[in-house]
């Protein structure tokens, strides 16, 4: 967050209710970093509509068209996607 100059308390992470997102350790990790956690409704896929749509577009426009040899290669390719593609889709928000 510091690298991207995001102030504590200004970032919200939306997730489903999977056990990895409801554990005390995960909640503490977010809290220690000033990240708000918003969980979707129980058995309510519509509450995740934004991220499902965003991720679907990411897969169609980037991930399914690439063959990355490492995580660093993937990060570099995704980060540079805004410079090389004519699209309004913002890949720069991907960590």
Protein backbone atom coordinates (compact mmCIF):
# COMPACT_ATOMS: atom_id res chain seq x y z
CA UNK A 1 0.00 0.00 0.00
CA UNK A 2 2.84 2.38 0.76
CA UNK A 3 4.40 1.70 -2.62
CA UNK A 4 1.15 2.78 -4.31
CA UNK A 5 0.63 5.67 -1.88
CA UNK A 6 -2.68 4.35 -0.58
CA UNK A 7 -3.50 5.91 2.77
CA UNK A 8 -4.60 3.55 5.58
CA UNK A 9 -8.38 3.42 5.85
CA UNK A 10 -8.96 4.23 2.17
CA UNK A 11 -8.80 0.69 0.76
CA UNK A 12 -11.63 -1.86 0.96
CA UNK A 13 -11.19 -5.52 0.10
CA UNK A 14 -14.38 -7.30 -0.98
CA UNK A 15 -14.45 -11.08 -0.66
CA UNK A 16 -16.87 -13.95 -0.38
CA UNK A 17 -17.33 -15.78 2.92
CA UNK A 18 -14.70 -18.46 2.37
CA UNK A 19 -12.90 -19.65 5.49
CA UNK A 20 -9.62 -18.12 4.31
CA UNK A 21 -11.30 -14.69 4.47
CA UNK A 22 -13.04 -15.13 7.81
CA UNK A 23 -10.09 -16.36 9.87
CA UNK A 24 -8.82 -14.26 12.77
CA UNK A 25 -5.33 -14.16 11.25
CA UNK A 26 -6.58 -12.80 7.94
CA UNK A 27 -8.78 -10.19 9.61
CA UNK A 28 -5.86 -9.09 11.81
CA UNK A 29 -3.55 -8.88 8.79
CA UNK A 30 -5.98 -6.49 7.06
CA UNK A 31 -6.64 -4.50 10.21
CA UNK A 32 -2.91 -4.02 10.87
CA UNK A 33 -2.64 -2.47 7.41
CA UNK A 34 -5.70 -0.23 7.67
CA UNK A 35 -7.67 -2.22 5.08
CA UNK A 36 -11.43 -2.45 5.45
CA UNK A 37 -12.88 -5.89 4.76
CA UNK A 38 -16.33 -6.21 3.16
CA UNK A 39 -17.74 -9.69 2.79
CA UNK A 40 -20.52 -10.51 0.36
CA UNK A 41 -23.83 -11.91 1.49
CA UNK A 42 -24.19 -15.56 2.37
CA UNK A 43 -25.24 -17.52 -0.73
CA UNK A 44 -25.53 -14.25 -2.62
CA UNK A 45 -23.38 -14.32 -5.77
CA UNK A 46 -24.84 -11.01 -6.92
CA UNK A 47 -22.96 -9.31 -4.08
CA UNK A 48 -19.75 -10.26 -5.90
CA UNK A 49 -20.95 -9.07 -9.31
CA UNK A 50 -18.37 -6.28 -9.72
CA UNK A 51 -15.31 -8.45 -9.12
CA UNK A 52 -16.76 -11.36 -11.10
CA UNK A 53 -17.28 -9.04 -14.07
CA UNK A 54 -13.84 -7.44 -13.67
CA UNK A 55 -12.07 -10.78 -13.36
CA UNK A 56 -13.94 -12.20 -16.36
CA UNK A 57 -12.79 -9.25 -18.47
CA UNK A 58 -9.24 -9.64 -17.17
CA UNK A 59 -9.18 -13.30 -18.20
CA UNK A 60 -10.60 -12.62 -21.67
CA UNK A 61 -8.44 -9.57 -22.41
CA UNK A 62 -5.17 -10.60 -20.80
CA UNK A 63 -4.72 -13.91 -18.98
CA UNK A 64 -6.04 -16.28 -21.65
CA UNK A 65 -3.92 -14.56 -24.33
CA UNK A 66 -0.60 -14.87 -22.49
CA UNK A 67 1.89 -17.53 -21.50
CA UNK A 68 3.87 -16.32 -18.52
CA UNK A 69 7.01 -18.11 -17.38
CA UNK A 70 7.08 -16.58 -13.91
CA UNK A 71 5.04 -14.42 -11.56
CA UNK A 72 7.42 -11.53 -12.29
CA UNK A 73 6.80 -11.93 -16.02
CA UNK A 74 3.03 -11.91 -15.41
CA UNK A 75 3.21 -8.81 -13.21
CA UNK A 76 5.31 -6.98 -15.79
CA UNK A 77 2.99 -7.92 -18.64
CA UNK A 78 -0.14 -6.96 -16.72
CA UNK A 79 1.35 -3.69 -15.50
CA UNK A 80 2.38 -2.73 -19.04
CA UNK A 81 -0.98 -3.71 -20.54
CA UNK A 82 -2.33 -0.19 -20.20
CA UNK A 83 0.44 1.08 -22.46
CA UNK A 84 0.01 -1.48 -25.21
CA UNK A 85 -3.72 -2.16 -25.45
CA UNK A 86 -6.46 0.10 -26.68
CA UNK A 87 -9.00 -0.50 -23.95
CA UNK A 88 -10.73 1.30 -21.15
CA UNK A 89 -10.07 -1.69 -18.88
CA UNK A 90 -7.58 -0.70 -16.16
CA UNK A 91 -5.13 -3.57 -15.58
CA UNK A 92 -2.95 -1.42 -13.32
CA UNK A 93 -5.06 -2.22 -10.26
CA UNK A 94 -3.84 -5.83 -10.24
CA UNK A 95 -1.22 -6.35 -7.50
